[in-house]
């Protein structure tokens, strides 16, 4: 008997779940994000999680949001943070 059964796979999310969530959250906050912000933010979070640390991903996305809220352009700010994450030194134990 297998004492360590395989964990159940998470059900696949519907393709539009992220879009519906984004629309609902934006409406809740009374904002209208423009452009290709979803792809930009998710790509930045992915790079940050892999190059810096997983918990740095949501924090970096939040910092990007603050910067954009203060008038900085999204694409340039995301690129700056992504460049910083790409250049981040690896930990010795990795």
PDB file of N, CA and C in Angstrom:
ATOM      1  N   UNK A   1       0.848  -1.181   0.000  1.00  0.00           N
ATOM      2  CA  UNK A   1       0.000   0.000   0.000  1.00  0.00           C
ATOM      3  C   UNK A   1       0.888   1.236   0.000  1.00  0.00           C
ATOM      4  N   UNK A   2       0.526   2.221  -0.759  1.00  0.00           N
ATOM      5  CA  UNK A   2       1.278   3.461  -0.849  1.00  0.00           C
ATOM      6  C   UNK A   2       0.900   4.366   0.303  1.00  0.00           C
ATOM      7  N   UNK A   3       1.867   4.607   1.196  1.00  0.00           N
ATOM      8  CA  UNK A   3       1.579   5.452   2.353  1.00  0.00           C
ATOM      9  C   UNK A   3       1.619   6.929   2.018  1.00  0.00           C
ATOM     10  N   UNK A   4       2.227   7.279   0.923  1.00  0.00           N
ATOM     11  CA  UNK A   4       2.314   8.676   0.500  1.00  0.00           C
ATOM     12  C   UNK A   4       1.577   8.865  -0.815  1.00  0.00           C
ATOM     13  N   UNK A   5       0.256   8.900  -0.744  1.00  0.00           N
ATOM     14  CA  UNK A   5      -0.489   9.062  -1.992  1.00  0.00           C
ATOM     15  C   UNK A   5      -0.138  10.400  -2.639  1.00  0.00           C
ATOM     16  N   UNK A   6      -0.218  10.410  -3.949  1.00  0.00           N
ATOM     17  CA  UNK A   6       0.055  11.646  -4.672  1.00  0.00           C
ATOM     18  C   UNK A   6      -0.968  12.696  -4.280  1.00  0.00           C
ATOM     19  N   UNK A   7      -0.507  13.905  -4.047  1.00  0.00           N
ATOM     20  CA  UNK A   7      -1.484  14.953  -3.733  1.00  0.00           C
ATOM     21  C   UNK A   7      -2.410  15.179  -4.920  1.00  0.00           C
ATOM     22  N   UNK A   8      -3.619  15.523  -4.618  1.00  0.00           N
ATOM     23  CA  UNK A   8      -4.568  15.789  -5.685  1.00  0.00           C
ATOM     24  C   UNK A   8      -4.117  17.010  -6.454  1.00  0.00           C
ATOM     25  N   UNK A   9      -4.232  16.925  -7.771  1.00  0.00           N
ATOM     26  CA  UNK A   9      -3.890  18.073  -8.595  1.00  0.00           C
ATOM     27  C   UNK A   9      -4.927  19.160  -8.406  1.00  0.00           C
ATOM     28  N   UNK A  10      -4.437  20.381  -8.375  1.00  0.00           N
ATOM     29  CA  UNK A  10      -5.362  21.505  -8.324  1.00  0.00           C
ATOM     30  C   UNK A  10      -6.163  21.531  -9.609  1.00  0.00           C
ATOM     31  N   UNK A  11      -7.441  21.794  -9.504  1.00  0.00           N
ATOM     32  CA  UNK A  11      -8.226  21.861 -10.744  1.00  0.00           C
ATOM     33  C   UNK A  11      -7.704  22.997 -11.622  1.00  0.00           C
ATOM     34  N   UNK A  12      -7.725  22.743 -12.915  1.00  0.00           N
ATOM     35  CA  UNK A  12      -7.304  23.780 -13.856  1.00  0.00           C
ATOM     36  C   UNK A  12      -8.270  24.952 -13.745  1.00  0.00           C
ATOM     37  N   UNK A  13      -7.701  26.161 -13.776  1.00  0.00           N
ATOM     38  CA  UNK A  13      -8.583  27.315 -13.729  1.00  0.00           C
ATOM     39  C   UNK A  13      -9.065  27.632 -15.132  1.00  0.00           C
ATOM     40  N   UNK A  14     -10.226  28.185 -15.205  1.00  0.00           N
ATOM     41  CA  UNK A  14     -10.772  28.567 -16.506  1.00  0.00           C
ATOM     42  C   UNK A  14      -9.857  29.621 -17.119  1.00  0.00           C
ATOM     43  N   UNK A  15      -9.700  29.605 -18.434  1.00  0.00           N
ATOM     44  CA  UNK A  15      -8.796  30.557 -19.080  1.00  0.00           C
ATOM     45  C   UNK A  15      -9.098  32.007 -18.759  1.00  0.00           C
ATOM     46  N   UNK A  16     -10.336  32.311 -18.475  1.00  0.00           N
ATOM     47  CA  UNK A  16     -10.678  33.709 -18.245  1.00  0.00           C
ATOM     48  C   UNK A  16     -10.721  34.078 -16.764  1.00  0.00           C
ATOM     49  N   UNK A  17     -10.315  33.181 -15.877  1.00  0.00           N
ATOM     50  CA  UNK A  17     -10.371  33.470 -14.441  1.00  0.00           C
ATOM     51  C   UNK A  17      -9.568  34.715 -14.098  1.00  0.00           C
ATOM     52  N   UNK A  18      -8.351  34.787 -14.591  1.00  0.00           N
ATOM     53  CA  UNK A  18      -7.503  35.943 -14.288  1.00  0.00           C
ATOM     54  C   UNK A  18      -8.121  37.224 -14.835  1.00  0.00           C
ATOM     55  N   UNK A  19      -8.653  37.162 -16.040  1.00  0.00           N
ATOM     56  CA  UNK A  19      -9.285  38.354 -16.618  1.00  0.00           C
ATOM     57  C   UNK A  19     -10.512  38.787 -15.810  1.00  0.00           C
ATOM     58  N   UNK A  20     -11.327  37.808 -15.425  1.00  0.00           N
ATOM     59  CA  UNK A  20     -12.528  38.143 -14.635  1.00  0.00           C
ATOM     60  C   UNK A  20     -12.136  38.698 -13.279  1.00  0.00           C
ATOM     61  N   UNK A  21     -11.119  38.086 -12.627  1.00  0.00           N
ATOM     62  CA  UNK A  21     -10.653  38.574 -11.329  1.00  0.00           C
ATOM     63  C   UNK A  21     -10.122  39.999 -11.465  1.00  0.00           C
ATOM     64  N   UNK A  22      -9.323  40.246 -12.489  1.00  0.00           N
ATOM     65  CA  UNK A  22      -8.744  41.565 -12.702  1.00  0.00           C
ATOM     66  C   UNK A  22      -9.837  42.607 -12.900  1.00  0.00           C
ATOM     67  N   UNK A  23     -10.827  42.278 -13.693  1.00  0.00           N
ATOM     68  CA  UNK A  23     -11.937  43.209 -13.926  1.00  0.00           C
ATOM     69  C   UNK A  23     -12.706  43.484 -12.635  1.00  0.00           C
ATOM     70  N   UNK A  24     -12.984  42.431 -11.866  1.00  0.00           N
ATOM     71  CA  UNK A  24     -13.730  42.607 -10.617  1.00  0.00           C
ATOM     72  C   UNK A  24     -12.921  43.395  -9.593  1.00  0.00           C
ATOM     73  N   UNK A  25     -11.634  43.070  -9.454  1.00  0.00           N
ATOM     74  CA  UNK A  25     -10.795  43.786  -8.485  1.00  0.00           C
ATOM     75  C   UNK A  25     -10.629  45.247  -8.894  1.00  0.00           C
ATOM     76  N   UNK A  26     -10.470  45.492 -10.185  1.00  0.00           N
ATOM     77  CA  UNK A  26     -10.337  46.869 -10.670  1.00  0.00           C
ATOM     78  C   UNK A  26     -11.608  47.659 -10.398  1.00  0.00           C
ATOM     79  N   UNK A  27     -12.751  47.037 -10.662  1.00  0.00           N
ATOM     80  CA  UNK A  27     -14.027  47.703 -10.397  1.00  0.00           C
ATOM     81  C   UNK A  27     -14.186  47.984  -8.910  1.00  0.00           C
ATOM     82  N   UNK A  28     -13.806  47.030  -8.084  1.00  0.00           N
ATOM     83  CA  UNK A  28     -13.904  47.203  -6.630  1.00  0.00           C
ATOM     84  C   UNK A  28     -13.088  48.403  -6.159  1.00  0.00           C
ATOM     85  N   UNK A  29     -11.914  48.593  -6.776  1.00  0.00           N
ATOM     86  CA  UNK A  29     -11.030  49.696  -6.390  1.00  0.00           C
ATOM     87  C   UNK A  29     -11.327  50.989  -7.152  1.00  0.00           C
ATOM     88  N   UNK A  30     -12.223  50.905  -8.139  1.00  0.00           N
ATOM     89  CA  UNK A  30     -12.564  52.091  -8.918  1.00  0.00           C
ATOM     90  C   UNK A  30     -11.433  52.556  -9.820  1.00  0.00           C
ATOM     91  N   UNK A  31     -10.676  51.600 -10.365  1.00  0.00           N
ATOM     92  CA  UNK A  31      -9.573  51.946 -11.253  1.00  0.00           C
ATOM     93  C   UNK A  31      -9.785  51.318 -12.623  1.00  0.00           C
ATOM     94  N   UNK A  32      -9.122  51.864 -13.614  1.00  0.00           N
ATOM     95  CA  UNK A  32      -9.194  51.330 -14.968  1.00  0.00           C
ATOM     96  C   UNK A  32      -7.774  51.202 -15.504  1.00  0.00           C
ATOM     97  N   UNK A  33      -7.104  50.084 -15.188  1.00  0.00           N
ATOM     98  CA  UNK A  33      -5.750  49.904 -15.708  1.00  0.00           C
ATOM     99  C   UNK A  33      -5.761  49.876 -17.230  1.00  0.00           C
ATOM    100  N   UNK A  34      -4.709  50.389 -17.817  1.00  0.00           N
ATOM    101  CA  UNK A  34      -4.656  50.422 -19.273  1.00  0.00           C
ATOM    102  C   UNK A  34      -3.469  49.617 -19.778  1.00  0.00           C
ATOM    103  N   UNK A  35      -3.513  49.310 -21.042  1.00  0.00           N
ATOM    104  CA  UNK A  35      -2.398  48.634 -21.690  1.00  0.00           C
ATOM    105  C   UNK A  35      -2.278  47.175 -21.322  1.00  0.00           C
ATOM    106  N   UNK A  36      -1.092  46.658 -21.541  1.00  0.00           N
ATOM    107  CA  UNK A  36      -0.803  45.248 -21.325  1.00  0.00           C
ATOM    108  C   UNK A  36      -0.247  45.031 -19.918  1.00  0.00           C
ATOM    109  N   UNK A  37      -0.893  45.613 -18.912  1.00  0.00           N
ATOM    110  CA  UNK A  37      -0.343  45.592 -17.560  1.00  0.00           C
ATOM    111  C   UNK A  37      -0.308  44.204 -16.950  1.00  0.00           C
ATOM    112  N   UNK A  38      -1.249  43.333 -17.266  1.00  0.00           N
ATOM    113  CA  UNK A  38      -1.259  41.997 -16.661  1.00  0.00           C
ATOM    114  C   UNK A  38       0.013  41.249 -17.034  1.00  0.00           C
ATOM    115  N   UNK A  39       0.328  41.210 -18.316  1.00  0.00           N
ATOM    116  CA  UNK A  39       1.525  40.517 -18.776  1.00  0.00           C
ATOM    117  C   UNK A  39       2.779  41.143 -18.163  1.00  0.00           C
ATOM    118  N   UNK A  40       2.829  42.457 -18.105  1.00  0.00           N
ATOM    119  CA  UNK A  40       3.991  43.160 -17.552  1.00  0.00           C
ATOM    120  C   UNK A  40       4.200  42.814 -16.084  1.00  0.00           C
ATOM    121  N   UNK A  41       3.148  42.883 -15.298  1.00  0.00           N
ATOM    122  CA  UNK A  41       3.259  42.627 -13.858  1.00  0.00           C
ATOM    123  C   UNK A  41       3.572  41.155 -13.592  1.00  0.00           C
ATOM    124  N   UNK A  42       2.910  40.234 -14.299  1.00  0.00           N
ATOM    125  CA  UNK A  42       3.168  38.814 -14.077  1.00  0.00           C
ATOM    126  C   UNK A  42       4.583  38.422 -14.494  1.00  0.00           C
ATOM    127  N   UNK A  43       5.078  39.001 -15.568  1.00  0.00           N
ATOM    128  CA  UNK A  43       6.438  38.716 -15.999  1.00  0.00           C
ATOM    129  C   UNK A  43       7.444  39.231 -14.968  1.00  0.00           C
ATOM    130  N   UNK A  44       7.219  40.432 -14.462  1.00  0.00           N
ATOM    131  CA  UNK A  44       8.093  40.978 -13.417  1.00  0.00           C
ATOM    132  C   UNK A  44       8.055  40.086 -12.180  1.00  0.00           C
ATOM    133  N   UNK A  45       6.893  39.645 -11.772  1.00  0.00           N
ATOM    134  CA  UNK A  45       6.765  38.784 -10.593  1.00  0.00           C
ATOM    135  C   UNK A  45       7.492  37.454 -10.807  1.00  0.00           C
ATOM    136  N   UNK A  46       7.385  36.899 -12.009  1.00  0.00           N
ATOM    137  CA  UNK A  46       8.060  35.630 -12.313  1.00  0.00           C
ATOM    138  C   UNK A  46       9.574  35.777 -12.199  1.00  0.00           C
ATOM    139  N   UNK A  47      10.104  36.812 -12.820  1.00  0.00           N
ATOM    140  CA  UNK A  47      11.557  37.023 -12.783  1.00  0.00           C
ATOM    141  C   UNK A  47      12.020  37.270 -11.346  1.00  0.00           C
ATOM    142  N   UNK A  48      11.288  38.079 -10.621  1.00  0.00           N
ATOM    143  CA  UNK A  48      11.662  38.383  -9.239  1.00  0.00           C
ATOM    144  C   UNK A  48      11.614  37.132  -8.374  1.00  0.00           C
ATOM    145  N   UNK A  49      10.583  36.318  -8.531  1.00  0.00           N
ATOM    146  CA  UNK A  49      10.470  35.093  -7.740  1.00  0.00           C
ATOM    147  C   UNK A  49      11.628  34.145  -8.005  1.00  0.00           C
ATOM    148  N   UNK A  50      12.049  34.035  -9.259  1.00  0.00           N
ATOM    149  CA  UNK A  50      13.112  33.091  -9.606  1.00  0.00           C
ATOM    150  C   UNK A  50      14.505  33.631  -9.361  1.00  0.00           C
ATOM    151  N   UNK A  51      14.699  34.919  -9.520  1.00  0.00           N
ATOM    152  CA  UNK A  51      16.046  35.484  -9.397  1.00  0.00           C
ATOM    153  C   UNK A  51      16.342  36.028  -7.999  1.00  0.00           C
ATOM    154  N   UNK A  52      15.320  36.475  -7.275  1.00  0.00           N
ATOM    155  CA  UNK A  52      15.535  37.079  -5.958  1.00  0.00           C
ATOM    156  C   UNK A  52      15.024  36.121  -4.888  1.00  0.00           C
ATOM    157  N   UNK A  53      13.711  36.049  -4.723  1.00  0.00           N
ATOM    158  CA  UNK A  53      13.088  35.190  -3.716  1.00  0.00           C
ATOM    159  C   UNK A  53      11.588  35.204  -3.977  1.00  0.00           C
ATOM    160  N   UNK A  54      10.936  34.074  -3.745  1.00  0.00           N
ATOM    161  CA  UNK A  54       9.496  33.997  -4.021  1.00  0.00           C
ATOM    162  C   UNK A  54       8.696  35.098  -3.323  1.00  0.00           C
ATOM    163  N   UNK A  55       8.921  35.348  -2.026  1.00  0.00           N
ATOM    164  CA  UNK A  55       8.137  36.408  -1.380  1.00  0.00           C
ATOM    165  C   UNK A  55       8.421  37.807  -1.934  1.00  0.00           C
ATOM    166  N   UNK A  56       9.520  37.958  -2.652  1.00  0.00           N
ATOM    167  CA  UNK A  56       9.823  39.265  -3.244  1.00  0.00           C
ATOM    168  C   UNK A  56       8.891  39.587  -4.406  1.00  0.00           C
ATOM    169  N   UNK A  57       8.270  38.580  -5.007  1.00  0.00           N
ATOM    170  CA  UNK A  57       7.421  38.800  -6.182  1.00  0.00           C
ATOM    171  C   UNK A  57       6.209  39.687  -5.866  1.00  0.00           C
ATOM    172  N   UNK A  58       5.380  39.345  -4.878  1.00  0.00           N
ATOM    173  CA  UNK A  58       4.234  40.224  -4.617  1.00  0.00           C
ATOM    174  C   UNK A  58       4.662  41.587  -4.074  1.00  0.00           C
ATOM    175  N   UNK A  59       5.733  41.613  -3.302  1.00  0.00           N
ATOM    176  CA  UNK A  59       6.208  42.896  -2.788  1.00  0.00           C
ATOM    177  C   UNK A  59       6.684  43.786  -3.934  1.00  0.00           C
ATOM    178  N   UNK A  60       7.395  43.202  -4.885  1.00  0.00           N
ATOM    179  CA  UNK A  60       7.875  43.964  -6.036  1.00  0.00           C
ATOM    180  C   UNK A  60       6.704  44.477  -6.867  1.00  0.00           C
ATOM    181  N   UNK A  61       5.689  43.653  -7.052  1.00  0.00           N
ATOM    182  CA  UNK A  61       4.499  44.094  -7.783  1.00  0.00           C
ATOM    183  C   UNK A  61       3.824  45.258  -7.051  1.00  0.00           C
ATOM    184  N   UNK A  62       3.791  45.195  -5.742  1.00  0.00           N
ATOM    185  CA  UNK A  62       3.211  46.276  -4.947  1.00  0.00           C
ATOM    186  C   UNK A  62       4.026  47.555  -5.113  1.00  0.00           C
ATOM    187  N   UNK A  63       5.361  47.435  -5.041  1.00  0.00           N
ATOM    188  CA  UNK A  63       6.226  48.600  -5.215  1.00  0.00           C
ATOM    189  C   UNK A  63       6.050  49.201  -6.610  1.00  0.00           C
ATOM    190  N   UNK A  64       5.895  48.343  -7.611  1.00  0.00           N
ATOM    191  CA  UNK A  64       5.631  48.828  -8.962  1.00  0.00           C
ATOM    192  C   UNK A  64       4.321  49.614  -8.986  1.00  0.00           C
ATOM    193  N   UNK A  65       3.317  49.103  -8.310  1.00  0.00           N
ATOM    194  CA  UNK A  65       2.033  49.797  -8.246  1.00  0.00           C
ATOM    195  C   UNK A  65       2.148  51.165  -7.587  1.00  0.00           C
ATOM    196  N   UNK A  66       2.946  51.250  -6.537  1.00  0.00           N
ATOM    197  CA  UNK A  66       3.155  52.550  -5.892  1.00  0.00           C
ATOM    198  C   UNK A  66       3.826  53.513  -6.876  1.00  0.00           C
ATOM    199  N   UNK A  67       4.864  53.022  -7.556  1.00  0.00           N
ATOM    200  CA  UNK A  67       5.580  53.874  -8.512  1.00  0.00           C
ATOM    201  C   UNK A  67       4.638  54.379  -9.611  1.00  0.00           C
ATOM    202  N   UNK A  68       3.835  53.480 -10.154  1.00  0.00           N
ATOM    203  CA  UNK A  68       2.902  53.864 -11.212  1.00  0.00           C
ATOM    204  C   UNK A  68       1.852  54.829 -10.654  1.00  0.00           C
ATOM    205  N   UNK A  69       1.394  54.585  -9.443  1.00  0.00           N
ATOM    206  CA  UNK A  69       0.432  55.480  -8.809  1.00  0.00           C
ATOM    207  C   UNK A  69       0.987  56.878  -8.583  1.00  0.00           C
ATOM    208  N   UNK A  70       2.299  56.965  -8.465  1.00  0.00           N
ATOM    209  CA  UNK A  70       2.934  58.272  -8.290  1.00  0.00           C
ATOM    210  C   UNK A  70       3.318  58.911  -9.618  1.00  0.00           C
ATOM    211  N   UNK A  71       2.892  58.270 -10.717  1.00  0.00           N
ATOM    212  CA  UNK A  71       3.074  58.879 -12.019  1.00  0.00           C
ATOM    213  C   UNK A  71       4.197  58.320 -12.875  1.00  0.00           C
ATOM    214  N   UNK A  72       4.925  57.344 -12.375  1.00  0.00           N
ATOM    215  CA  UNK A  72       5.982  56.742 -13.196  1.00  0.00           C
ATOM    216  C   UNK A  72       5.348  55.835 -14.239  1.00  0.00           C
ATOM    217  N   UNK A  73       5.912  55.760 -15.436  1.00  0.00           N
ATOM    218  CA  UNK A  73       5.336  54.897 -16.471  1.00  0.00           C
ATOM    219  C   UNK A  73       5.539  53.415 -16.147  1.00  0.00           C
ATOM    220  N   UNK A  74       4.508  52.636 -16.368  1.00  0.00           N
ATOM    221  CA  UNK A  74       4.550  51.205 -16.064  1.00  0.00           C
ATOM    222  C   UNK A  74       5.656  50.471 -16.811  1.00  0.00           C
ATOM    223  N   UNK A  75       5.740  50.570 -18.125  1.00  0.00           N
ATOM    224  CA  UNK A  75       6.743  49.757 -18.835  1.00  0.00           C
ATOM    225  C   UNK A  75       8.176  50.043 -18.378  1.00  0.00           C
ATOM    226  N   UNK A  76       8.521  51.302 -18.243  1.00  0.00           N
ATOM    227  CA  UNK A  76       9.883  51.652 -17.855  1.00  0.00           C
ATOM    228  C   UNK A  76      10.183  51.235 -16.418  1.00  0.00           C
ATOM    229  N   UNK A  77       9.220  51.434 -15.538  1.00  0.00           N
ATOM    230  CA  UNK A  77       9.416  51.054 -14.132  1.00  0.00           C
ATOM    231  C   UNK A  77       9.554  49.544 -13.991  1.00  0.00           C
ATOM    232  N   UNK A  78       8.720  48.802 -14.707  1.00  0.00           N
ATOM    233  CA  UNK A  78       8.804  47.339 -14.671  1.00  0.00           C
ATOM    234  C   UNK A  78      10.143  46.876 -15.229  1.00  0.00           C
ATOM    235  N   UNK A  79      10.592  47.493 -16.309  1.00  0.00           N
ATOM    236  CA  UNK A  79      11.878  47.121 -16.900  1.00  0.00           C
ATOM    237  C   UNK A  79      13.018  47.384 -15.928  1.00  0.00           C
ATOM    238  N   UNK A  80      12.987  48.525 -15.237  1.00  0.00           N
ATOM    239  CA  UNK A  80      14.027  48.831 -14.249  1.00  0.00           C
ATOM    240  C   UNK A  80      14.069  47.765 -13.156  1.00  0.00           C
ATOM    241  N   UNK A  81      12.906  47.408 -12.639  1.00  0.00           N
ATOM    242  CA  UNK A  81      12.857  46.403 -11.571  1.00  0.00           C
ATOM    243  C   UNK A  81      13.257  45.030 -12.086  1.00  0.00           C
ATOM    244  N   UNK A  82      12.863  44.712 -13.309  1.00  0.00           N
ATOM    245  CA  UNK A  82      13.239  43.422 -13.877  1.00  0.00           C
ATOM    246  C   UNK A  82      14.754  43.364 -14.094  1.00  0.00           C
ATOM    247  N   UNK A  83      15.341  44.449 -14.566  1.00  0.00           N
ATOM    248  CA  UNK A  83      16.797  44.501 -14.726  1.00  0.00           C
ATOM    249  C   UNK A  83      17.501  44.335 -13.378  1.00  0.00           C
ATOM    250  N   UNK A  84      16.963  44.977 -12.351  1.00  0.00           N
ATOM    251  CA  UNK A  84      17.529  44.847 -11.007  1.00  0.00           C
ATOM    252  C   UNK A  84      17.455  43.398 -10.531  1.00  0.00           C
ATOM    253  N   UNK A  85      16.310  42.757 -10.747  1.00  0.00           N
ATOM    254  CA  UNK A  85      16.145  41.352 -10.339  1.00  0.00           C
ATOM    255  C   UNK A  85      17.090  40.439 -11.120  1.00  0.00           C
ATOM    256  N   UNK A  86      17.237  40.689 -12.411  1.00  0.00           N
ATOM    257  CA  UNK A  86      18.128  39.858 -13.233  1.00  0.00           C
ATOM    258  C   UNK A  86      19.573  39.970 -12.751  1.00  0.00           C
ATOM    259  N   UNK A  87      19.957  41.133 -12.265  1.00  0.00           N
ATOM    260  CA  UNK A  87      21.335  41.361 -11.815  1.00  0.00           C
ATOM    261  C   UNK A  87      21.548  40.996 -10.347  1.00  0.00           C
ATOM    262  N   UNK A  88      20.469  40.607  -9.659  1.00  0.00           N
ATOM    263  CA  UNK A  88      20.565  40.318  -8.228  1.00  0.00           C
ATOM    264  C   UNK A  88      21.514  39.143  -7.989  1.00  0.00           C
ATOM    265  N   UNK A  89      22.456  39.280  -7.048  1.00  0.00           N
ATOM    266  CA  UNK A  89      23.408  38.188  -6.803  1.00  0.00           C
ATOM    267  C   UNK A  89      22.710  36.959  -6.236  1.00  0.00           C
ATOM    268  N   UNK A  90      23.149  35.806  -6.712  1.00  0.00           N
ATOM    269  CA  UNK A  90      22.621  34.522  -6.212  1.00  0.00           C
ATOM    270  C   UNK A  90      23.180  34.275  -4.824  1.00  0.00           C
ATOM    271  N   UNK A  91      22.360  33.636  -3.991  1.00  0.00           N
ATOM    272  CA  UNK A  91      22.823  33.243  -2.658  1.00  0.00           C
ATOM    273  C   UNK A  91      23.846  32.119  -2.776  1.00  0.00           C
ATOM    274  N   UNK A  92      24.765  32.055  -1.856  1.00  0.00           N
ATOM    275  CA  UNK A  92      25.844  31.062  -1.899  1.00  0.00           C
ATOM    276  C   UNK A  92      25.311  29.641  -1.813  1.00  0.00           C
ATOM    277  N   UNK A  93      24.215  29.406  -1.099  1.00  0.00           N
ATOM    278  CA  UNK A  93      23.702  28.051  -0.907  1.00  0.00           C
ATOM    279  C   UNK A  93      22.838  27.556  -2.058  1.00  0.00           C
ATOM    280  N   UNK A  94      22.687  28.335  -3.118  1.00  0.00           N
ATOM    281  CA  UNK A  94      21.841  27.898  -4.234  1.00  0.00           C
ATOM    282  C   UNK A  94      22.591  27.033  -5.160  1.00  0.00           C
TER     283      UNK A  94
END
